[in-house]
Protein backbone atom coordinates (compact mmCIF):
# COMPACT_ATOMS: atom_id res chain seq x y z
CA MET A 1 -2.71 -9.04 -13.94
CA PRO A 2 -0.13 -11.78 -14.31
CA SER A 3 2.44 -10.78 -16.91
CA SER A 4 6.04 -11.74 -17.42
CA VAL A 5 6.78 -8.30 -18.93
CA ILE A 6 4.55 -5.72 -17.22
CA LYS A 7 4.62 -5.16 -13.48
CA ARG A 8 1.90 -2.49 -13.35
CA TYR A 9 0.17 0.15 -15.41
CA LEU A 10 -1.85 3.31 -14.92
CA TYR A 11 -3.96 5.29 -17.38
CA ASP A 12 -4.79 8.99 -17.04
CA ALA A 13 -7.81 9.55 -19.29
CA THR A 14 -7.69 13.33 -18.92
CA ARG A 15 -4.11 13.53 -20.16
CA GLN A 16 -4.34 10.41 -22.35
CA GLU A 17 -1.16 9.07 -20.79
CA LEU A 18 -0.40 5.43 -20.14
CA VAL A 19 2.31 4.63 -17.61
CA ILE A 20 3.85 1.19 -17.96
CA GLU A 21 6.23 -0.23 -15.37
CA LEU A 22 8.13 -3.25 -16.60
CA VAL A 23 9.35 -6.11 -14.45
CA SER A 24 12.88 -4.92 -15.28
CA GLY A 25 12.17 -1.84 -13.18
CA LYS A 26 12.04 0.59 -16.10
CA SER A 27 8.97 2.79 -16.45
CA TYR A 28 7.67 4.74 -19.41
CA VAL A 29 4.94 7.28 -20.03
CA TYR A 30 3.17 6.87 -23.38
CA GLU A 31 1.51 10.04 -24.63
CA ASP A 32 -1.65 10.65 -26.65
CA VAL A 33 -2.99 7.16 -26.00
CA PRO A 34 -6.72 7.20 -26.79
CA ARG A 35 -9.15 5.48 -24.45
CA GLU A 36 -9.88 2.88 -27.14
CA ALA A 37 -6.21 1.84 -27.21
CA TYR A 38 -6.18 1.51 -23.43
CA ASP A 39 -9.42 -0.50 -23.48
CA ALA A 40 -7.90 -2.85 -26.06
CA PHE A 41 -4.85 -3.26 -23.81
CA LEU A 42 -7.11 -4.12 -20.86
CA ALA A 43 -9.01 -6.68 -22.93
CA ALA A 44 -5.90 -8.35 -24.34
CA PRO A 45 -5.35 -11.92 -23.15
CA SER A 46 -1.60 -11.18 -23.00
CA LYS A 47 -0.77 -7.69 -21.74
CA GLY A 48 2.92 -8.12 -22.64
CA ALA A 49 2.25 -9.25 -26.21
CA HIS A 50 -0.28 -6.47 -26.73
CA TYR A 51 2.12 -3.90 -25.28
CA ASN A 52 4.91 -5.05 -27.60
CA ALA A 53 2.73 -5.08 -30.71
CA GLU A 54 0.32 -2.19 -30.18
CA ILE A 55 1.85 0.31 -27.75
CA ARG A 56 5.62 0.15 -27.42
CA ASP A 57 6.59 1.26 -30.93
CA VAL A 58 3.33 3.01 -31.78
CA PHE A 59 3.01 5.86 -29.28
CA TYR A 60 5.55 8.52 -28.37
CA PHE A 61 7.04 7.79 -24.95
CA ARG A 62 9.45 9.16 -22.41
CA PRO A 63 11.22 7.38 -19.57
CA LEU A 64 9.71 7.95 -16.15
CA ASN A 65 12.16 8.67 -13.37
CA THR A 66 11.26 6.46 -10.45
């Protein structure tokens, strides 16, 4: 997954949580992310652009202490 914004990601389908780690080192947990939203993220040609447009300001999030 080459991305200039996202270093790695992990989806927990049971909890509907999407963890995004940015290249800056910051990590966030996005809550109540339906499987369809995660599938769209996976299919996006640009993970960073999709994250910025469809996830970042759409779903409630909390910082993840790493």
